Amino acid sequence: MTKEHVTIFSGSSIIVRGLQNRLDDLKINSIIKDRVESARLGGFGETRSAVELMILNVDVEKAQPIVDAYKAEINL
């Protein structure tokens, strides 16, 4: 199986960073793709929910319970 990054969650920057911290505690590496900041630097607009949290596809099964619990906690 090839390792590639997949989006596991998207939302506002602060919400995404909260989930990233929980995944970091379990040693699951992640990348934040911030389209809002990229758009701002490029001089155009983007929706506030355009921040994505990406992890390796091999970590999805391990991360999914944390993501589900986080969504329930923030009422998503």
C-alpha atoms as a PDB file:
ATOM      1  CA  MET A   1       0.000   0.000   0.000  1.00  0.00           C
ATOM      2  CA  THR A   2       1.312   3.412  -0.944  1.00  0.00           C
ATOM      3  CA  LYS A   3       1.508   6.022   1.786  1.00  0.00           C
ATOM      4  CA  GLU A   4      -0.319   9.207   0.895  1.00  0.00           C
ATOM      5  CA  HIS A   5      -1.969  12.009   2.824  1.00  0.00           C
ATOM      6  CA  VAL A   6      -5.752  12.108   3.092  1.00  0.00           C
ATOM      7  CA  THR A   7      -8.026  14.754   4.588  1.00  0.00           C
ATOM      8  CA  ILE A   8      -9.552  13.472   7.807  1.00  0.00           C
ATOM      9  CA  PHE A   9     -11.182  16.695   9.041  1.00  0.00           C
ATOM     10  CA  SER A  10     -11.853  20.258   7.909  1.00  0.00           C
ATOM     11  CA  GLY A  11     -13.106  23.317   9.717  1.00  0.00           C
ATOM     12  CA  SER A  12     -11.865  26.580  11.150  1.00  0.00           C
ATOM     13  CA  SER A  13      -8.212  26.961  12.072  1.00  0.00           C
ATOM     14  CA  ILE A  14      -8.716  26.819  15.824  1.00  0.00           C
ATOM     15  CA  ILE A  15     -10.944  23.718  15.658  1.00  0.00           C
ATOM     16  CA  VAL A  16      -8.502  21.916  13.358  1.00  0.00           C
ATOM     17  CA  ARG A  17      -5.567  22.740  15.639  1.00  0.00           C
ATOM     18  CA  GLY A  18      -7.452  21.308  18.619  1.00  0.00           C
ATOM     19  CA  LEU A  19      -7.818  17.988  16.821  1.00  0.00           C
ATOM     20  CA  GLN A  20      -4.213  18.107  15.672  1.00  0.00           C
ATOM     21  CA  ASN A  21      -3.103  18.379  19.322  1.00  0.00           C
ATOM     22  CA  ARG A  22      -5.095  15.263  20.238  1.00  0.00           C
ATOM     23  CA  LEU A  23      -3.598  13.315  17.361  1.00  0.00           C
ATOM     24  CA  ASP A  24      -0.108  14.514  18.337  1.00  0.00           C
ATOM     25  CA  ASP A  25      -0.657  13.039  21.820  1.00  0.00           C
ATOM     26  CA  LEU A  26      -1.099   9.631  20.145  1.00  0.00           C
ATOM     27  CA  LYS A  27       1.980  10.156  17.940  1.00  0.00           C
ATOM     28  CA  ILE A  28      -0.124  10.460  14.765  1.00  0.00           C
ATOM     29  CA  ASN A  29       1.615  12.963  12.516  1.00  0.00           C
ATOM     30  CA  SER A  30      -0.552  15.411  10.605  1.00  0.00           C
ATOM     31  CA  ILE A  31      -0.346  18.315   8.194  1.00  0.00           C
ATOM     32  CA  ILE A  32      -2.565  21.385   8.184  1.00  0.00           C
ATOM     33  CA  LYS A  33      -3.522  22.713   4.762  1.00  0.00           C
ATOM     34  CA  ASP A  34      -4.697  26.283   5.394  1.00  0.00           C
ATOM     35  CA  ARG A  35      -6.469  27.564   2.280  1.00  0.00           C
ATOM     36  CA  VAL A  36      -7.672  30.654   4.181  1.00  0.00           C
ATOM     37  CA  GLU A  37      -4.133  31.853   4.833  1.00  0.00           C
ATOM     38  CA  SER A  38      -3.022  30.944   1.316  1.00  0.00           C
ATOM     39  CA  ALA A  39      -5.941  32.905  -0.140  1.00  0.00           C
ATOM     40  CA  ARG A  40      -5.171  35.901   2.083  1.00  0.00           C
ATOM     41  CA  LEU A  41      -1.558  35.915   0.951  1.00  0.00           C
ATOM     42  CA  GLY A  42      -2.695  35.608  -2.669  1.00  0.00           C
ATOM     43  CA  GLY A  43      -5.065  38.550  -2.331  1.00  0.00           C
ATOM     44  CA  PHE A  44      -8.413  36.797  -2.639  1.00  0.00           C
ATOM     45  CA  GLY A  45     -11.015  35.295  -0.289  1.00  0.00           C
ATOM     46  CA  GLU A  46     -11.843  31.796   0.895  1.00  0.00           C
ATOM     47  CA  THR A  47     -14.421  30.324   3.254  1.00  0.00           C
ATOM     48  CA  ARG A  48     -13.510  30.009   6.929  1.00  0.00           C
ATOM     49  CA  SER A  49     -13.913  26.227   6.867  1.00  0.00           C
ATOM     50  CA  ALA A  50     -11.183  25.797   4.284  1.00  0.00           C
ATOM     51  CA  VAL A  51      -8.577  24.507   6.748  1.00  0.00           C
ATOM     52  CA  GLU A  52      -7.918  20.786   6.331  1.00  0.00           C
ATOM     53  CA  LEU A  53      -6.193  18.312   8.633  1.00  0.00           C
ATOM     54  CA  MET A  54      -4.389  15.610   6.693  1.00  0.00           C
ATOM     55  CA  ILE A  55      -2.829  12.365   7.910  1.00  0.00           C
ATOM     56  CA  LEU A  56      -1.262   9.367   6.230  1.00  0.00           C
ATOM     57  CA  ASN A  57      -3.773   6.865   4.911  1.00  0.00           C
ATOM     58  CA  VAL A  58      -2.154   4.125   7.028  1.00  0.00           C
ATOM     59  CA  ASP A  59      -3.098   6.080  10.206  1.00  0.00           C
ATOM     60  CA  VAL A  60      -6.779   6.616   9.368  1.00  0.00           C
ATOM     61  CA  GLU A  61      -8.047   3.555  11.232  1.00  0.00           C
ATOM     62  CA  LYS A  62      -6.112   4.537  14.357  1.00  0.00           C
ATOM     63  CA  ALA A  63      -7.207   8.200  14.171  1.00  0.00           C
ATOM     64  CA  GLN A  64     -10.892   7.764  13.297  1.00  0.00           C
ATOM     65  CA  PRO A  65     -12.125   7.115  16.891  1.00  0.00           C
ATOM     66  CA  ILE A  66     -10.366  10.301  18.062  1.00  0.00           C
ATOM     67  CA  VAL A  67     -11.885  12.300  15.196  1.00  0.00           C
ATOM     68  CA  ASP A  68     -15.369  10.941  15.933  1.00  0.00           C
ATOM     69  CA  ALA A  69     -15.068  11.746  19.658  1.00  0.00           C
ATOM     70  CA  TYR A  70     -13.791  15.247  18.848  1.00  0.00           C
ATOM     71  CA  LYS A  71     -16.695  15.896  16.476  1.00  0.00           C
ATOM     72  CA  ALA A  72     -19.159  14.807  19.168  1.00  0.00           C
ATOM     73  CA  GLU A  73     -17.452  17.058  21.706  1.00  0.00           C
ATOM     74  CA  ILE A  74     -17.674  20.138  19.470  1.00  0.00           C
ATOM     75  CA  ASN A  75     -21.203  19.212  18.334  1.00  0.00           C
ATOM     76  CA  LEU A  76     -20.500  18.551  14.658  1.00  0.00           C
END
